[in-house]
Amino acid sequence: MKPLNYAILKHFTKVKEACAEDVIEALKSEYGHFKALNRKDVIAALMTAEANGLLEETRFEMDQSDVLRIYYHAHEEGANTINKYIKD
């Protein structure tokens, strides 16, 4: 099993785009018992990945509960870097 932050990054090499809630949903079967698999910590991981040039913001929207959802994707260079250092 990969570290949670690695799994979060790797998820973006397999989807067109995702927000924190999408990541949590996708990883909860394997990482659901991890304390850091929560909205706040996943958002921090996504923002760190964006600051490091691995992900970029694609869009944002308010959900039905008026919670802001920010969507990210791994651009080609970011995906290549993630795949280079994090193997399946």
N, C-alpha and C. Protein backbone atom coordinates (compact mmCIF):
# COMPACT_ATOMS: atom_id res chain seq x y z
N MET A 1 0.85 -1.18 0.00
CA MET A 1 0.00 0.00 0.00
C MET A 1 0.90 1.25 0.00
N LYS A 2 0.57 2.17 -0.89
CA LYS A 2 1.32 3.43 -0.97
C LYS A 2 0.94 4.36 0.18
N PRO A 3 1.81 5.30 0.51
CA PRO A 3 1.40 6.36 1.44
C PRO A 3 0.20 7.12 0.86
N LEU A 4 -0.64 7.64 1.72
CA LEU A 4 -1.87 8.30 1.28
C LEU A 4 -1.58 9.43 0.29
N ASN A 5 -0.61 10.27 0.55
CA ASN A 5 -0.33 11.37 -0.38
C ASN A 5 0.08 10.87 -1.75
N TYR A 6 0.79 9.76 -1.80
CA TYR A 6 1.14 9.16 -3.09
C TYR A 6 -0.11 8.68 -3.80
N ALA A 7 -1.01 8.05 -3.07
CA ALA A 7 -2.25 7.55 -3.67
C ALA A 7 -3.10 8.70 -4.20
N ILE A 8 -3.11 9.81 -3.48
CA ILE A 8 -3.86 10.99 -3.94
C ILE A 8 -3.29 11.47 -5.26
N LEU A 9 -1.98 11.64 -5.32
CA LEU A 9 -1.35 12.09 -6.57
C LEU A 9 -1.59 11.10 -7.70
N LYS A 10 -1.41 9.83 -7.42
CA LYS A 10 -1.56 8.80 -8.44
C LYS A 10 -2.99 8.78 -9.00
N HIS A 11 -3.97 9.10 -8.15
CA HIS A 11 -5.36 9.15 -8.60
C HIS A 11 -5.53 10.12 -9.77
N PHE A 12 -4.80 11.22 -9.73
CA PHE A 12 -4.94 12.23 -10.78
C PHE A 12 -4.33 11.82 -12.10
N THR A 13 -3.56 10.75 -12.12
CA THR A 13 -3.04 10.24 -13.39
C THR A 13 -4.03 9.29 -14.05
N LYS A 14 -5.14 9.01 -13.35
CA LYS A 14 -6.11 8.04 -13.85
C LYS A 14 -7.47 8.65 -14.15
N VAL A 15 -7.65 9.94 -13.82
CA VAL A 15 -8.94 10.61 -14.05
C VAL A 15 -8.70 11.93 -14.79
N LYS A 16 -9.74 12.41 -15.44
CA LYS A 16 -9.64 13.68 -16.16
C LYS A 16 -9.48 14.84 -15.18
N GLU A 17 -10.28 14.85 -14.13
CA GLU A 17 -10.20 15.87 -13.08
C GLU A 17 -10.91 15.33 -11.85
N ALA A 18 -10.63 15.96 -10.72
CA ALA A 18 -11.28 15.54 -9.46
C ALA A 18 -11.17 16.66 -8.44
N CYS A 19 -12.10 16.62 -7.49
CA CYS A 19 -12.05 17.53 -6.34
C CYS A 19 -11.75 16.67 -5.11
N ALA A 20 -11.60 17.32 -3.97
CA ALA A 20 -11.26 16.59 -2.73
C ALA A 20 -12.28 15.50 -2.43
N GLU A 21 -13.56 15.81 -2.60
CA GLU A 21 -14.61 14.83 -2.31
C GLU A 21 -14.50 13.62 -3.25
N ASP A 22 -14.16 13.86 -4.52
CA ASP A 22 -13.97 12.76 -5.47
C ASP A 22 -12.81 11.86 -5.03
N VAL A 23 -11.72 12.48 -4.59
CA VAL A 23 -10.55 11.73 -4.15
C VAL A 23 -10.91 10.88 -2.93
N ILE A 24 -11.59 11.47 -1.98
CA ILE A 24 -11.98 10.73 -0.77
C ILE A 24 -12.84 9.53 -1.14
N GLU A 25 -13.81 9.75 -2.01
CA GLU A 25 -14.70 8.67 -2.44
C GLU A 25 -13.92 7.56 -3.14
N ALA A 26 -12.98 7.94 -3.99
CA ALA A 26 -12.21 6.96 -4.76
C ALA A 26 -11.27 6.14 -3.87
N LEU A 27 -10.76 6.76 -2.82
CA LEU A 27 -9.75 6.09 -2.00
C LEU A 27 -10.29 5.48 -0.71
N LYS A 28 -11.56 5.73 -0.39
CA LYS A 28 -12.05 5.30 0.92
C LYS A 28 -12.07 3.79 1.12
N SER A 29 -12.21 3.00 0.06
CA SER A 29 -12.22 1.55 0.26
C SER A 29 -10.86 1.05 0.74
N GLU A 30 -9.78 1.65 0.28
CA GLU A 30 -8.44 1.20 0.67
C GLU A 30 -7.86 2.03 1.82
N TYR A 31 -8.20 3.32 1.87
CA TYR A 31 -7.58 4.22 2.84
C TYR A 31 -8.59 4.80 3.84
N GLY A 32 -9.79 4.27 3.87
CA GLY A 32 -10.83 4.81 4.73
C GLY A 32 -10.49 4.86 6.21
N HIS A 33 -9.59 4.01 6.64
CA HIS A 33 -9.20 3.99 8.05
C HIS A 33 -8.09 5.00 8.36
N PHE A 34 -7.57 5.68 7.35
CA PHE A 34 -6.54 6.69 7.57
C PHE A 34 -7.16 7.96 8.13
N LYS A 35 -6.59 8.46 9.19
CA LYS A 35 -7.08 9.68 9.84
C LYS A 35 -7.03 10.88 8.88
N ALA A 36 -6.05 10.92 7.99
CA ALA A 36 -5.85 12.06 7.09
C ALA A 36 -6.75 12.02 5.85
N LEU A 37 -7.57 10.97 5.70
CA LEU A 37 -8.48 10.94 4.55
C LEU A 37 -9.75 11.70 4.92
N ASN A 38 -9.60 13.01 4.98
CA ASN A 38 -10.71 13.91 5.28
C ASN A 38 -10.57 15.13 4.38
N ARG A 39 -11.64 15.88 4.27
CA ARG A 39 -11.67 17.01 3.33
C ARG A 39 -10.53 17.99 3.56
N LYS A 40 -10.32 18.39 4.80
CA LYS A 40 -9.29 19.40 5.11
C LYS A 40 -7.90 18.93 4.70
N ASP A 41 -7.54 17.72 5.06
CA ASP A 41 -6.20 17.21 4.76
C ASP A 41 -6.02 16.91 3.27
N VAL A 42 -7.06 16.43 2.61
CA VAL A 42 -6.96 16.18 1.17
C VAL A 42 -6.82 17.50 0.42
N ILE A 43 -7.57 18.52 0.81
CA ILE A 43 -7.43 19.83 0.18
C ILE A 43 -6.00 20.35 0.37
N ALA A 44 -5.44 20.18 1.56
CA ALA A 44 -4.06 20.62 1.79
C ALA A 44 -3.09 19.88 0.87
N ALA A 45 -3.30 18.59 0.68
CA ALA A 45 -2.44 17.80 -0.21
C ALA A 45 -2.58 18.29 -1.66
N LEU A 46 -3.81 18.59 -2.08
CA LEU A 46 -4.03 19.07 -3.44
C LEU A 46 -3.40 20.44 -3.66
N MET A 47 -3.53 21.31 -2.69
CA MET A 47 -2.93 22.65 -2.81
C MET A 47 -1.41 22.57 -2.82
N THR A 48 -0.85 21.65 -2.05
CA THR A 48 0.60 21.46 -2.06
C THR A 48 1.06 20.94 -3.42
N ALA A 49 0.32 19.98 -3.96
CA ALA A 49 0.66 19.44 -5.29
C ALA A 49 0.56 20.53 -6.35
N GLU A 50 -0.43 21.40 -6.22
CA GLU A 50 -0.56 22.51 -7.17
C GLU A 50 0.63 23.47 -7.03
N ALA A 51 0.99 23.81 -5.80
CA ALA A 51 2.11 24.72 -5.55
C ALA A 51 3.43 24.14 -6.08
N ASN A 52 3.53 22.81 -6.08
CA ASN A 52 4.73 22.15 -6.58
C ASN A 52 4.67 21.85 -8.07
N GLY A 53 3.62 22.29 -8.74
CA GLY A 53 3.53 22.17 -10.19
C GLY A 53 3.09 20.82 -10.71
N LEU A 54 2.55 19.95 -9.84
CA LEU A 54 2.10 18.63 -10.29
C LEU A 54 0.65 18.65 -10.75
N LEU A 55 -0.16 19.50 -10.15
CA LEU A 55 -1.58 19.61 -10.50
C LEU A 55 -1.88 21.06 -10.84
N GLU A 56 -2.98 21.25 -11.56
CA GLU A 56 -3.46 22.61 -11.77
C GLU A 56 -4.98 22.64 -11.64
N GLU A 57 -5.47 23.76 -11.19
CA GLU A 57 -6.90 23.95 -11.00
C GLU A 57 -7.58 24.01 -12.36
N THR A 58 -8.71 23.31 -12.48
CA THR A 58 -9.45 23.33 -13.74
C THR A 58 -10.74 24.13 -13.65
N ARG A 59 -11.42 24.03 -12.51
CA ARG A 59 -12.68 24.76 -12.34
C ARG A 59 -13.09 24.70 -10.87
N PHE A 60 -14.13 25.44 -10.55
CA PHE A 60 -14.68 25.39 -9.20
C PHE A 60 -16.18 25.58 -9.29
N GLU A 61 -16.88 25.10 -8.27
CA GLU A 61 -18.34 25.23 -8.22
C GLU A 61 -18.81 25.10 -6.78
N MET A 62 -19.98 25.58 -6.52
CA MET A 62 -20.62 25.40 -5.22
C MET A 62 -21.52 24.17 -5.32
N ASP A 63 -21.42 23.28 -4.34
CA ASP A 63 -22.29 22.11 -4.37
C ASP A 63 -23.65 22.46 -3.76
N GLN A 64 -24.50 21.47 -3.60
CA GLN A 64 -25.86 21.71 -3.12
C GLN A 64 -25.89 22.21 -1.68
N SER A 65 -24.82 21.97 -0.93
CA SER A 65 -24.74 22.42 0.46
C SER A 65 -23.97 23.74 0.59
N ASP A 66 -23.76 24.42 -0.54
CA ASP A 66 -22.98 25.66 -0.59
C ASP A 66 -21.55 25.48 -0.11
N VAL A 67 -20.95 24.34 -0.42
CA VAL A 67 -19.55 24.07 -0.14
C VAL A 67 -18.79 24.22 -1.45
N LEU A 68 -17.71 24.99 -1.42
CA LEU A 68 -16.90 25.20 -2.61
C LEU A 68 -16.12 23.95 -2.94
N ARG A 69 -16.23 23.51 -4.18
CA ARG A 69 -15.46 22.37 -4.67
C ARG A 69 -14.52 22.88 -5.75
N ILE A 70 -13.24 22.65 -5.53
CA ILE A 70 -12.22 23.06 -6.50
C ILE A 70 -11.72 21.79 -7.18
N TYR A 71 -11.75 21.80 -8.49
CA TYR A 71 -11.33 20.65 -9.29
C TYR A 71 -9.92 20.87 -9.83
N TYR A 72 -9.15 19.80 -9.83
CA TYR A 72 -7.77 19.83 -10.31
C TYR A 72 -7.58 18.73 -11.34
N HIS A 73 -6.52 18.86 -12.12
CA HIS A 73 -6.09 17.78 -12.99
C HIS A 73 -4.58 17.77 -13.06
N ALA A 74 -4.04 16.63 -13.42
CA ALA A 74 -2.59 16.51 -13.62
C ALA A 74 -2.34 16.79 -15.09
N HIS A 75 -1.69 17.92 -15.38
CA HIS A 75 -1.33 18.22 -16.77
C HIS A 75 -0.26 17.21 -17.21
N GLU A 76 0.08 17.22 -18.46
CA GLU A 76 0.96 16.18 -19.00
C GLU A 76 2.29 16.10 -18.25
N GLU A 77 2.93 17.22 -18.03
CA GLU A 77 4.22 17.20 -17.33
C GLU A 77 4.07 16.73 -15.88
N GLY A 78 3.00 17.18 -15.22
CA GLY A 78 2.75 16.75 -13.85
C GLY A 78 2.49 15.26 -13.77
N ALA A 79 1.67 14.75 -14.68
CA ALA A 79 1.37 13.32 -14.70
C ALA A 79 2.64 12.50 -14.96
N ASN A 80 3.48 12.99 -15.88
CA ASN A 80 4.73 12.29 -16.16
C ASN A 80 5.63 12.25 -14.94
N THR A 81 5.71 13.36 -14.21
CA THR A 81 6.52 13.41 -12.99
C THR A 81 5.97 12.47 -11.93
N ILE A 82 4.65 12.50 -11.73
CA ILE A 82 4.02 11.61 -10.75
C ILE A 82 4.32 10.15 -11.11
N ASN A 83 4.11 9.80 -12.37
CA ASN A 83 4.33 8.41 -12.80
C ASN A 83 5.80 7.99 -12.73
N LYS A 84 6.69 8.96 -12.90
CA LYS A 84 8.12 8.65 -12.82
C LYS A 84 8.52 8.24 -11.40
N TYR A 85 7.98 8.93 -10.41
CA TYR A 85 8.40 8.69 -9.04
C TYR A 85 7.47 7.78 -8.24
N ILE A 86 6.23 7.63 -8.69
CA ILE A 86 5.28 6.78 -7.97
C ILE A 86 4.81 5.68 -8.93
N LYS A 87 5.28 4.51 -8.71
CA LYS A 87 4.92 3.37 -9.57
C LYS A 87 3.64 2.72 -9.09
N ASP A 88 2.94 2.08 -10.02
CA ASP A 88 1.70 1.35 -9.66
C ASP A 88 1.98 0.12 -8.86
